């Protein structure tokens, strides 16, 4: 039989684990609701930009906001991996990194990673990283311009990110950035206002405005994907905490039962000692 003091200490620890895992569950659930609302607002703003852009662009080619730029463009495809900042995110980061590595070819791809956890995993697999960024701590006003600067250096960009399906189910998705912008724009309802050079003055030029709109829409798309990734990471964390919570509860029940049993046994032994002492005293 284990010592009563040891069981009492283990019981206290398991109770704390139950409370902690429950708290982390609640935090993850709250963040999921907040991010969902922000994604909806970002989509509405994208629609406003697309209505202007679709009327003033010269053709249907998406140029990543670099029509006025004469800088060299790499023929490689840029792979952007979006992972979490820390390891406390379930198993979704490992799945994403493994999925991306299986499709990575150093001759035709460069990798940019968001999130320290994914960066470490890539280094552990001896996969070269062109640049790494921290996952934004805030969910508001995410600055993705440094990322867009990297995107503009490449002919095409493919984003790998975890996608939220449900609280208990997350999957890995890929997104061709230029195609994603144009497809999202195709679903935007046309506006009633006619916008053209005939009734508007575009400064410094129409091309510059088109470039700005393309960069702005890429900002929205990448911000949405980052928020979607955070959503999946919080859901993965929720799932991990749910399993940990259930395990902690089961362990707590088991330890509590052992503690109660040991406590009763100790009382029984003391009672026997008292009865035996009384018997000896009466002899």
C-alpha atoms as a PDB file:
ATOM      1  CA  UNK A   1       0.000   0.000   0.000  1.00  0.00           C
ATOM      2  CA  UNK A   2       1.370   3.407  -0.967  1.00  0.00           C
ATOM      3  CA  UNK A   3       2.016   5.941   1.776  1.00  0.00           C
ATOM      4  CA  UNK A   4      -0.949   8.200   2.581  1.00  0.00           C
ATOM      5  CA  UNK A   5       1.184  11.372   2.301  1.00  0.00           C
ATOM      6  CA  UNK A   6       2.321  10.380  -1.211  1.00  0.00           C
ATOM      7  CA  UNK A   7      -1.233   9.735  -2.316  1.00  0.00           C
ATOM      8  CA  UNK A   8      -2.403  13.040  -0.866  1.00  0.00           C
ATOM      9  CA  UNK A   9       0.349  14.898  -2.747  1.00  0.00           C
ATOM     10  CA  UNK A  10      -0.508  13.132  -6.021  1.00  0.00           C
ATOM     11  CA  UNK A  11      -4.190  13.895  -5.483  1.00  0.00           C
ATOM     12  CA  UNK A  12      -3.418  17.597  -5.119  1.00  0.00           C
ATOM     13  CA  UNK A  13      -1.324  17.582  -8.321  1.00  0.00           C
ATOM     14  CA  UNK A  14      -3.997  15.785 -10.349  1.00  0.00           C
ATOM     15  CA  UNK A  15      -6.639  18.239  -9.107  1.00  0.00           C
ATOM     16  CA  UNK A  16      -4.493  21.157 -10.280  1.00  0.00           C
ATOM     17  CA  UNK A  17      -4.031  19.483 -13.696  1.00  0.00           C
ATOM     18  CA  UNK A  18      -7.789  19.101 -14.058  1.00  0.00           C
ATOM     19  CA  UNK A  19      -8.257  22.806 -13.306  1.00  0.00           C
ATOM     20  CA  UNK A  20      -5.433  23.900 -15.640  1.00  0.00           C
ATOM     21  CA  UNK A  21      -6.562  21.826 -18.617  1.00  0.00           C
ATOM     22  CA  UNK A  22     -10.105  23.098 -18.105  1.00  0.00           C
ATOM     23  CA  UNK A  23      -8.835  26.699 -18.100  1.00  0.00           C
ATOM     24  CA  UNK A  24      -6.825  26.190 -21.299  1.00  0.00           C
ATOM     25  CA  UNK A  25      -9.883  24.614 -22.919  1.00  0.00           C
ATOM     26  CA  UNK A  26     -11.896  27.724 -22.111  1.00  0.00           C
ATOM     27  CA  UNK A  27      -9.206  30.093 -23.425  1.00  0.00           C
ATOM     28  CA  UNK A  28      -8.908  28.199 -26.721  1.00  0.00           C
ATOM     29  CA  UNK A  29     -12.687  28.156 -27.154  1.00  0.00           C
ATOM     30  CA  UNK A  30     -12.919  31.930 -26.562  1.00  0.00           C
ATOM     31  CA  UNK A  31     -10.145  32.735 -29.045  1.00  0.00           C
ATOM     32  CA  UNK A  32     -11.846  30.573 -31.706  1.00  0.00           C
ATOM     33  CA  UNK A  33     -15.040  32.655 -31.466  1.00  0.00           C
ATOM     34  CA  UNK A  34     -13.119  35.963 -31.675  1.00  0.00           C
ATOM     35  CA  UNK A  35     -11.068  34.943 -34.733  1.00  0.00           C
ATOM     36  CA  UNK A  36     -14.141  33.720 -36.630  1.00  0.00           C
ATOM     37  CA  UNK A  37     -15.662  37.190 -36.278  1.00  0.00           C
ATOM     38  CA  UNK A  38     -12.481  38.886 -37.544  1.00  0.00           C
ATOM     39  CA  UNK A  39     -12.289  36.650 -40.630  1.00  0.00           C
ATOM     40  CA  UNK A  40     -15.828  37.695 -41.602  1.00  0.00           C
ATOM     41  CA  UNK A  41     -14.955  41.387 -41.288  1.00  0.00           C
ATOM     42  CA  UNK A  42     -11.795  40.947 -43.387  1.00  0.00           C
ATOM     43  CA  UNK A  43     -13.822  39.263 -46.147  1.00  0.00           C
ATOM     44  CA  UNK A  44     -16.196  42.237 -46.300  1.00  0.00           C
ATOM     45  CA  UNK A  45     -13.267  44.666 -46.711  1.00  0.00           C
ATOM     46  CA  UNK A  46     -11.776  42.475 -49.451  1.00  0.00           C
ATOM     47  CA  UNK A  47     -15.064  42.750 -51.345  1.00  0.00           C
ATOM     48  CA  UNK A  48     -14.929  46.556 -51.233  1.00  0.00           C
ATOM     49  CA  UNK A  49     -11.374  46.573 -52.636  1.00  0.00           C
ATOM     50  CA  UNK A  50     -12.149  44.033 -55.358  1.00  0.00           C
ATOM     51  CA  UNK A  51     -15.090  46.082 -56.691  1.00  0.00           C
ATOM     52  CA  UNK A  52     -12.703  48.984 -57.326  1.00  0.00           C
ATOM     53  CA  UNK A  53      -9.855  46.828 -58.605  1.00  0.00           C
ATOM     54  CA  UNK A  54     -11.965  44.833 -61.066  1.00  0.00           C
ATOM     55  CA  UNK A  55     -13.062  48.038 -62.813  1.00  0.00           C
ATOM     56  CA  UNK A  56      -9.705  49.793 -63.209  1.00  0.00           C
ATOM     57  CA  UNK A  57      -7.241  46.941 -63.891  1.00  0.00           C
ATOM     58  CA  UNK A  58      -5.926  46.746 -67.425  1.00  0.00           C
ATOM     59  CA  UNK A  59      -6.323  42.957 -67.805  1.00  0.00           C
ATOM     60  CA  UNK A  60      -7.107  39.911 -65.688  1.00  0.00           C
ATOM     61  CA  UNK A  61      -3.487  39.059 -64.844  1.00  0.00           C
ATOM     62  CA  UNK A  62      -2.678  39.360 -61.144  1.00  0.00           C
ATOM     63  CA  UNK A  63       0.793  40.902 -60.838  1.00  0.00           C
ATOM     64  CA  UNK A  64       1.303  40.790 -57.057  1.00  0.00           C
ATOM     65  CA  UNK A  65       1.378  44.596 -56.921  1.00  0.00           C
ATOM     66  CA  UNK A  66       4.595  44.853 -58.911  1.00  0.00           C
ATOM     67  CA  UNK A  67       3.493  46.075 -62.361  1.00  0.00           C
ATOM     68  CA  UNK A  68       5.650  49.210 -61.902  1.00  0.00           C
ATOM     69  CA  UNK A  69       8.560  47.302 -60.370  1.00  0.00           C
ATOM     70  CA  UNK A  70      11.504  46.333 -62.549  1.00  0.00           C
ATOM     71  CA  UNK A  71      13.223  44.205 -59.896  1.00  0.00           C
ATOM     72  CA  UNK A  72      14.252  40.599 -60.695  1.00  0.00           C
ATOM     73  CA  UNK A  73      11.702  37.878 -60.038  1.00  0.00           C
ATOM     74  CA  UNK A  74      12.835  34.389 -59.077  1.00  0.00           C
ATOM     75  CA  UNK A  75      11.505  31.579 -61.293  1.00  0.00           C
ATOM     76  CA  UNK A  76      11.210  29.417 -58.182  1.00  0.00           C
ATOM     77  CA  UNK A  77       7.950  28.870 -56.368  1.00  0.00           C
ATOM     78  CA  UNK A  78       7.879  30.283 -52.853  1.00  0.00           C
ATOM     79  CA  UNK A  79       6.466  27.982 -50.170  1.00  0.00           C
ATOM     80  CA  UNK A  80       5.055  29.791 -47.132  1.00  0.00           C
ATOM     81  CA  UNK A  81       4.535  27.558 -44.107  1.00  0.00           C
ATOM     82  CA  UNK A  82       2.307  28.918 -41.334  1.00  0.00           C
ATOM     83  CA  UNK A  83       2.902  27.259 -37.975  1.00  0.00           C
ATOM     84  CA  UNK A  84       2.481  28.157 -34.317  1.00  0.00           C
ATOM     85  CA  UNK A  85       4.935  30.122 -32.226  1.00  0.00           C
ATOM     86  CA  UNK A  86       5.246  27.494 -29.492  1.00  0.00           C
ATOM     87  CA  UNK A  87       4.997  23.728 -29.206  1.00  0.00           C
ATOM     88  CA  UNK A  88       1.793  23.921 -27.186  1.00  0.00           C
ATOM     89  CA  UNK A  89      -0.466  23.491 -30.218  1.00  0.00           C
ATOM     90  CA  UNK A  90      -1.284  19.817 -30.536  1.00  0.00           C
ATOM     91  CA  UNK A  91       0.142  17.824 -33.460  1.00  0.00           C
ATOM     92  CA  UNK A  92      -0.983  20.077 -36.309  1.00  0.00           C
ATOM     93  CA  UNK A  93       2.440  21.735 -36.853  1.00  0.00           C
ATOM     94  CA  UNK A  94       4.202  18.403 -37.262  1.00  0.00           C
ATOM     95  CA  UNK A  95       1.636  17.286 -39.831  1.00  0.00           C
ATOM     96  CA  UNK A  96       2.030  20.519 -41.788  1.00  0.00           C
ATOM     97  CA  UNK A  97       5.843  20.421 -41.815  1.00  0.00           C
ATOM     98  CA  UNK A  98       5.885  16.764 -42.907  1.00  0.00           C
ATOM     99  CA  UNK A  99       3.358  17.506 -45.658  1.00  0.00           C
ATOM    100  CA  UNK A 100       5.390  20.463 -46.969  1.00  0.00           C
ATOM    101  CA  UNK A 101       8.717  18.609 -46.798  1.00  0.00           C
ATOM    102  CA  UNK A 102       7.296  15.780 -48.912  1.00  0.00           C
ATOM    103  CA  UNK A 103       6.656  18.338 -51.694  1.00  0.00           C
ATOM    104  CA  UNK A 104       9.775  20.464 -51.270  1.00  0.00           C
ATOM    105  CA  UNK A 105      12.395  20.507 -54.026  1.00  0.00           C
ATOM    106  CA  UNK A 106      15.380  22.800 -53.324  1.00  0.00           C
ATOM    107  CA  UNK A 107      15.925  23.272 -57.057  1.00  0.00           C
ATOM    108  CA  UNK A 108      12.462  24.726 -57.624  1.00  0.00           C
ATOM    109  CA  UNK A 109      11.299  25.912 -54.194  1.00  0.00           C
ATOM    110  CA  UNK A 110      12.304  28.333 -51.455  1.00  0.00           C
ATOM    111  CA  UNK A 111      10.712  28.229 -48.005  1.00  0.00           C
ATOM    112  CA  UNK A 112       9.569  31.071 -45.776  1.00  0.00           C
ATOM    113  CA  UNK A 113       8.115  29.998 -42.445  1.00  0.00           C
ATOM    114  CA  UNK A 114       5.897  31.795 -39.974  1.00  0.00           C
ATOM    115  CA  UNK A 115       6.080  30.525 -36.395  1.00  0.00           C
ATOM    116  CA  UNK A 116       9.111  29.492 -34.352  1.00  0.00           C
ATOM    117  CA  UNK A 117       7.817  25.949 -33.817  1.00  0.00           C
ATOM    118  CA  UNK A 118       7.771  25.192 -37.552  1.00  0.00           C
ATOM    119  CA  UNK A 119      11.148  26.888 -38.025  1.00  0.00           C
ATOM    120  CA  UNK A 120      12.728  24.575 -35.436  1.00  0.00           C
ATOM    121  CA  UNK A 121      11.162  21.488 -37.004  1.00  0.00           C
ATOM    122  CA  UNK A 122      12.455  22.445 -40.458  1.00  0.00           C
ATOM    123  CA  UNK A 123      15.978  22.907 -39.082  1.00  0.00           C
ATOM    124  CA  UNK A 124      15.752  19.510 -37.380  1.00  0.00           C
ATOM    125  CA  UNK A 125      14.957  18.020 -40.796  1.00  0.00           C
ATOM    126  CA  UNK A 126      17.869  19.896 -42.456  1.00  0.00           C
ATOM    127  CA  UNK A 127      15.478  21.867 -44.669  1.00  0.00           C
ATOM    128  CA  UNK A 128      16.841  25.319 -45.635  1.00  0.00           C
ATOM    129  CA  UNK A 129      14.722  28.354 -44.758  1.00  0.00           C
ATOM    130  CA  UNK A 130      15.101  31.623 -46.695  1.00  0.00           C
ATOM    131  CA  UNK A 131      13.447  33.707 -43.981  1.00  0.00           C
ATOM    132  CA  UNK A 132      11.408  33.158 -40.845  1.00  0.00           C
ATOM    133  CA  UNK A 133       8.856  35.366 -39.119  1.00  0.00           C
ATOM    134  CA  UNK A 134       7.276  35.212 -35.703  1.00  0.00           C
ATOM    135  CA  UNK A 135       3.612  34.339 -35.543  1.00  0.00           C
ATOM    136  CA  UNK A 136       1.841  37.622 -34.653  1.00  0.00           C
ATOM    137  CA  UNK A 137       0.846  37.651 -31.000  1.00  0.00           C
ATOM    138  CA  UNK A 138      -2.116  39.930 -31.662  1.00  0.00           C
ATOM    139  CA  UNK A 139      -5.081  39.012 -33.827  1.00  0.00           C
ATOM    140  CA  UNK A 140      -5.718  42.678 -34.710  1.00  0.00           C
ATOM    141  CA  UNK A 141      -3.923  44.739 -37.392  1.00  0.00           C
ATOM    142  CA  UNK A 142      -1.572  41.941 -38.450  1.00  0.00           C
ATOM    143  CA  UNK A 143       1.359  43.417 -40.378  1.00  0.00           C
ATOM    144  CA  UNK A 144       2.107  41.112 -43.309  1.00  0.00           C
ATOM    145  CA  UNK A 145       3.987  43.644 -45.458  1.00  0.00           C
ATOM    146  CA  UNK A 146       7.389  42.022 -44.752  1.00  0.00           C
ATOM    147  CA  UNK A 147       5.859  38.764 -46.000  1.00  0.00           C
ATOM    148  CA  UNK A 148       4.452  40.437 -49.119  1.00  0.00           C
ATOM    149  CA  UNK A 149       7.911  41.865 -49.838  1.00  0.00           C
ATOM    150  CA  UNK A 150       9.171  38.276 -50.004  1.00  0.00           C
ATOM    151  CA  UNK A 151       6.204  37.159 -52.129  1.00  0.00           C
ATOM    152  CA  UNK A 152       6.926  39.850 -54.726  1.00  0.00           C
ATOM    153  CA  UNK A 153      10.393  38.364 -55.310  1.00  0.00           C
ATOM    154  CA  UNK A 154       8.931  35.140 -56.731  1.00  0.00           C
ATOM    155  CA  UNK A 155       6.995  34.128 -59.794  1.00  0.00           C
ATOM    156  CA  UNK A 156       4.432  32.183 -57.752  1.00  0.00           C
ATOM    157  CA  UNK A 157       3.592  31.494 -54.130  1.00  0.00           C
ATOM    158  CA  UNK A 158       2.014  28.485 -52.458  1.00  0.00           C
ATOM    159  CA  UNK A 159       0.864  28.780 -48.849  1.00  0.00           C
ATOM    160  CA  UNK A 160       0.698  25.753 -46.537  1.00  0.00           C
ATOM    161  CA  UNK A 161      -1.509  26.273 -43.526  1.00  0.00           C
ATOM    162  CA  UNK A 162      -3.620  24.386 -40.980  1.00  0.00           C
ATOM    163  CA  UNK A 163      -7.339  24.744 -41.621  1.00  0.00           C
ATOM    164  CA  UNK A 164     -10.143  24.662 -39.084  1.00  0.00           C
ATOM    165  CA  UNK A 165     -12.852  22.101 -39.806  1.00  0.00           C
ATOM    166  CA  UNK A 166     -14.286  21.678 -36.317  1.00  0.00           C
ATOM    167  CA  UNK A 167     -13.109  21.727 -32.724  1.00  0.00           C
ATOM    168  CA  UNK A 168     -12.045  18.107 -33.001  1.00  0.00           C
ATOM    169  CA  UNK A 169     -10.896  18.116 -36.632  1.00  0.00           C
ATOM    170  CA  UNK A 170      -8.185  20.184 -38.362  1.00  0.00           C
ATOM    171  CA  UNK A 171      -6.587  19.554 -41.719  1.00  0.00           C
ATOM    172  CA  UNK A 172      -3.693  20.833 -43.845  1.00  0.00           C
ATOM    173  CA  UNK A 173      -4.483  23.000 -46.875  1.00  0.00           C
ATOM    174  CA  UNK A 174      -2.500  24.669 -49.653  1.00  0.00           C
ATOM    175  CA  UNK A 175      -3.340  27.935 -51.358  1.00  0.00           C
ATOM    176  CA  UNK A 176      -1.898  29.362 -54.587  1.00  0.00           C
ATOM    177  CA  UNK A 177      -1.901  33.036 -53.619  1.00  0.00           C
ATOM    178  CA  UNK A 178      -2.691  34.717 -56.967  1.00  0.00           C
ATOM    179  CA  UNK A 179      -5.349  32.111 -57.810  1.00  0.00           C
ATOM    180  CA  UNK A 180      -6.910  32.455 -54.350  1.00  0.00           C
ATOM    181  CA  UNK A 181      -7.228  36.239 -54.747  1.00  0.00           C
ATOM    182  CA  UNK A 182      -8.859  36.004 -58.175  1.00  0.00           C
ATOM    183  CA  UNK A 183     -11.200  33.189 -57.110  1.00  0.00           C
ATOM    184  CA  UNK A 184     -12.261  35.119 -54.026  1.00  0.00           C
ATOM    185  CA  UNK A 185     -12.839  38.168 -56.214  1.00  0.00           C
ATOM    186  CA  UNK A 186     -14.991  36.153 -58.606  1.00  0.00           C
ATOM    187  CA  UNK A 187     -17.448  35.578 -55.779  1.00  0.00           C
ATOM    188  CA  UNK A 188     -17.774  39.286 -54.968  1.00  0.00           C
ATOM    189  CA  UNK A 189     -21.006  40.871 -56.123  1.00  0.00           C
ATOM    190  CA  UNK A 190     -20.493  43.824 -58.491  1.00  0.00           C
ATOM    191  CA  UNK A 191     -21.058  47.261 -57.007  1.00  0.00           C
ATOM    192  CA  UNK A 192     -23.570  49.763 -58.336  1.00  0.00           C
ATOM    193  CA  UNK A 193     -21.011  52.576 -58.612  1.00  0.00           C
ATOM    194  CA  UNK A 194     -19.008  52.852 -61.857  1.00  0.00           C
ATOM    195  CA  UNK A 195     -15.333  53.564 -61.180  1.00  0.00           C
ATOM    196  CA  UNK A 196     -13.087  54.571 -64.086  1.00  0.00           C
ATOM    197  CA  UNK A 197     -10.633  57.236 -65.215  1.00  0.00           C
ATOM    198  CA  UNK A 198     -13.603  59.057 -66.742  1.00  0.00           C
ATOM    199  CA  UNK A 199     -15.085  59.992 -63.370  1.00  0.00           C
ATOM    200  CA  UNK A 200     -12.108  59.554 -60.968  1.00  0.00           C
ATOM    201  CA  UNK A 201      -8.555  60.865 -60.807  1.00  0.00           C
ATOM    202  CA  UNK A 202      -6.064  58.196 -59.693  1.00  0.00           C
ATOM    203  CA  UNK A 203      -2.881  59.512 -58.087  1.00  0.00           C
ATOM    204  CA  UNK A 204      -0.027  59.109 -58.753  1.00  0.00           C
ATOM    205  CA  UNK A 205      -1.322  56.896 -61.598  1.00  0.00           C
ATOM    206  CA  UNK A 206      -3.878  54.197 -62.328  1.00  0.00           C
ATOM    207  CA  UNK A 207      -1.120  51.571 -62.390  1.00  0.00           C
ATOM    208  CA  UNK A 208       0.099  52.667 -58.963  1.00  0.00           C
ATOM    209  CA  UNK A 209      -3.429  52.421 -57.563  1.00  0.00           C
ATOM    210  CA  UNK A 210      -3.845  48.947 -59.084  1.00  0.00           C
ATOM    211  CA  UNK A 211      -0.550  47.882 -57.496  1.00  0.00           C
ATOM    212  CA  UNK A 212      -1.682  49.238 -54.147  1.00  0.00           C
ATOM    213  CA  UNK A 213      -5.005  47.396 -54.390  1.00  0.00           C
ATOM    214  CA  UNK A 214      -3.238  44.132 -55.300  1.00  0.00           C
ATOM    215  CA  UNK A 215      -0.909  44.485 -52.316  1.00  0.00           C
ATOM    216  CA  UNK A 216      -3.853  45.329 -50.057  1.00  0.00           C
ATOM    217  CA  UNK A 217      -5.821  42.296 -51.202  1.00  0.00           C
ATOM    218  CA  UNK A 218      -2.762  40.077 -50.693  1.00  0.00           C
ATOM    219  CA  UNK A 219      -2.499  41.548 -47.199  1.00  0.00           C
ATOM    220  CA  UNK A 220      -6.099  40.572 -46.508  1.00  0.00           C
ATOM    221  CA  UNK A 221      -5.665  37.070 -47.954  1.00  0.00           C
ATOM    222  CA  UNK A 222      -2.480  36.377 -45.986  1.00  0.00           C
ATOM    223  CA  UNK A 223      -3.970  37.893 -42.823  1.00  0.00           C
ATOM    224  CA  UNK A 224      -7.036  35.667 -43.275  1.00  0.00           C
ATOM    225  CA  UNK A 225      -4.844  32.599 -43.749  1.00  0.00           C
ATOM    226  CA  UNK A 226      -2.831  33.484 -40.630  1.00  0.00           C
ATOM    227  CA  UNK A 227      -6.062  33.893 -38.660  1.00  0.00           C
ATOM    228  CA  UNK A 228      -7.378  30.633 -40.135  1.00  0.00           C
ATOM    229  CA  UNK A 229      -4.137  28.997 -39.015  1.00  0.00           C
ATOM    230  CA  UNK A 230      -4.536  30.424 -35.537  1.00  0.00           C
ATOM    231  CA  UNK A 231      -8.087  29.121 -35.517  1.00  0.00           C
ATOM    232  CA  UNK A 232      -6.878  25.608 -36.371  1.00  0.00           C
ATOM    233  CA  UNK A 233      -4.041  25.873 -33.834  1.00  0.00           C
ATOM    234  CA  UNK A 234      -6.431  26.906 -31.082  1.00  0.00           C
ATOM    235  CA  UNK A 235      -8.755  24.059 -32.078  1.00  0.00           C
ATOM    236  CA  UNK A 236      -5.833  21.613 -32.048  1.00  0.00           C
ATOM    237  CA  UNK A 237      -4.864  22.956 -28.635  1.00  0.00           C
ATOM    238  CA  UNK A 238      -8.476  22.601 -27.499  1.00  0.00           C
ATOM    239  CA  UNK A 239      -8.500  18.979 -28.651  1.00  0.00           C
ATOM    240  CA  UNK A 240      -5.187  18.277 -26.911  1.00  0.00           C
ATOM    241  CA  UNK A 241      -6.446  19.952 -23.731  1.00  0.00           C
ATOM    242  CA  UNK A 242      -9.719  18.025 -23.922  1.00  0.00           C
ATOM    243  CA  UNK A 243      -7.822  14.735 -24.051  1.00  0.00           C
ATOM    244  CA  UNK A 244      -5.453  15.888 -21.299  1.00  0.00           C
ATOM    245  CA  UNK A 245      -8.421  17.037 -19.222  1.00  0.00           C
ATOM    246  CA  UNK A 246     -10.177  13.701 -19.567  1.00  0.00           C
ATOM    247  CA  UNK A 247      -6.970  11.854 -18.672  1.00  0.00           C
ATOM    248  CA  UNK A 248      -6.381  14.149 -15.685  1.00  0.00           C
ATOM    249  CA  UNK A 249      -9.948  13.591 -14.477  1.00  0.00           C
ATOM    250  CA  UNK A 250      -9.575   9.814 -14.744  1.00  0.00           C
ATOM    251  CA  UNK A 251      -6.260   9.955 -12.893  1.00  0.00           C
ATOM    252  CA  UNK A 252      -7.768  12.225 -10.252  1.00  0.00           C
ATOM    253  CA  UNK A 253     -10.628   9.805  -9.656  1.00  0.00           C
ATOM    254  CA  UNK A 254      -8.223   6.869  -9.404  1.00  0.00           C
ATOM    255  CA  UNK A 255      -5.886   8.664  -6.987  1.00  0.00           C
ATOM    256  CA  UNK A 256      -8.827   9.934  -4.914  1.00  0.00           C
ATOM    257  CA  UNK A 257     -10.130   6.376  -4.613  1.00  0.00           C
ATOM    258  CA  UNK A 258      -6.693   5.101  -3.585  1.00  0.00           C
ATOM    259  CA  UNK A 259      -6.349   7.960  -1.100  1.00  0.00           C
ATOM    260  CA  UNK A 260      -9.766   7.286   0.466  1.00  0.00           C
ATOM    261  CA  UNK A 261      -9.006   3.564   0.648  1.00  0.00           C
ATOM    262  CA  UNK A 262      -5.610   4.179   2.295  1.00  0.00           C
ATOM    263  CA  UNK A 263      -7.203   6.634   4.731  1.00  0.00           C
ATOM    264  CA  UNK A 264      -9.883   4.108   5.736  1.00  0.00           C
ATOM    265  CA  UNK A 265      -7.253   1.399   6.114  1.00  0.00           C
ATOM    266  CA  UNK A 266      -5.201   3.669   8.381  1.00  0.00           C
ATOM    267  CA  UNK A 267      -8.267   4.369  10.524  1.00  0.00           C
ATOM    268  CA  UNK A 268      -9.033   0.638  10.722  1.00  0.00           C
ATOM    269  CA  UNK A 269      -5.458  -0.116  11.822  1.00  0.00           C
ATOM    270  CA  UNK A 270      -5.595   2.564  14.516  1.00  0.00           C
ATOM    271  CA  UNK A 271      -8.954   1.260  15.709  1.00  0.00           C
ATOM    272  CA  UNK A 272      -7.518  -2.258  15.935  1.00  0.00           C
ATOM    273  CA  UNK A 273      -4.575  -0.944  17.931  1.00  0.00           C
ATOM    274  CA  UNK A 274      -6.959   0.804  20.361  1.00  0.00           C
ATOM    275  CA  UNK A 275      -9.111  -2.327  20.772  1.00  0.00           C
ATOM    276  CA  UNK A 276      -6.042  -4.527  21.274  1.00  0.00           C
ATOM    277  CA  UNK A 277      -4.726  -2.023  23.821  1.00  0.00           C
ATOM    278  CA  UNK A 278      -8.026  -2.089  25.748  1.00  0.00           C
ATOM    279  CA  UNK A 279      -8.023  -5.909  25.730  1.00  0.00           C
ATOM    280  CA  UNK A 280      -4.527  -6.037  27.170  1.00  0.00           C
ATOM    281  CA  UNK A 281      -5.495  -3.496  29.840  1.00  0.00           C
ATOM    282  CA  UNK A 282      -8.442  -5.620  31.030  1.00  0.00           C
ATOM    283  CA  UNK A 283      -6.426  -8.838  31.268  1.00  0.00           C
END
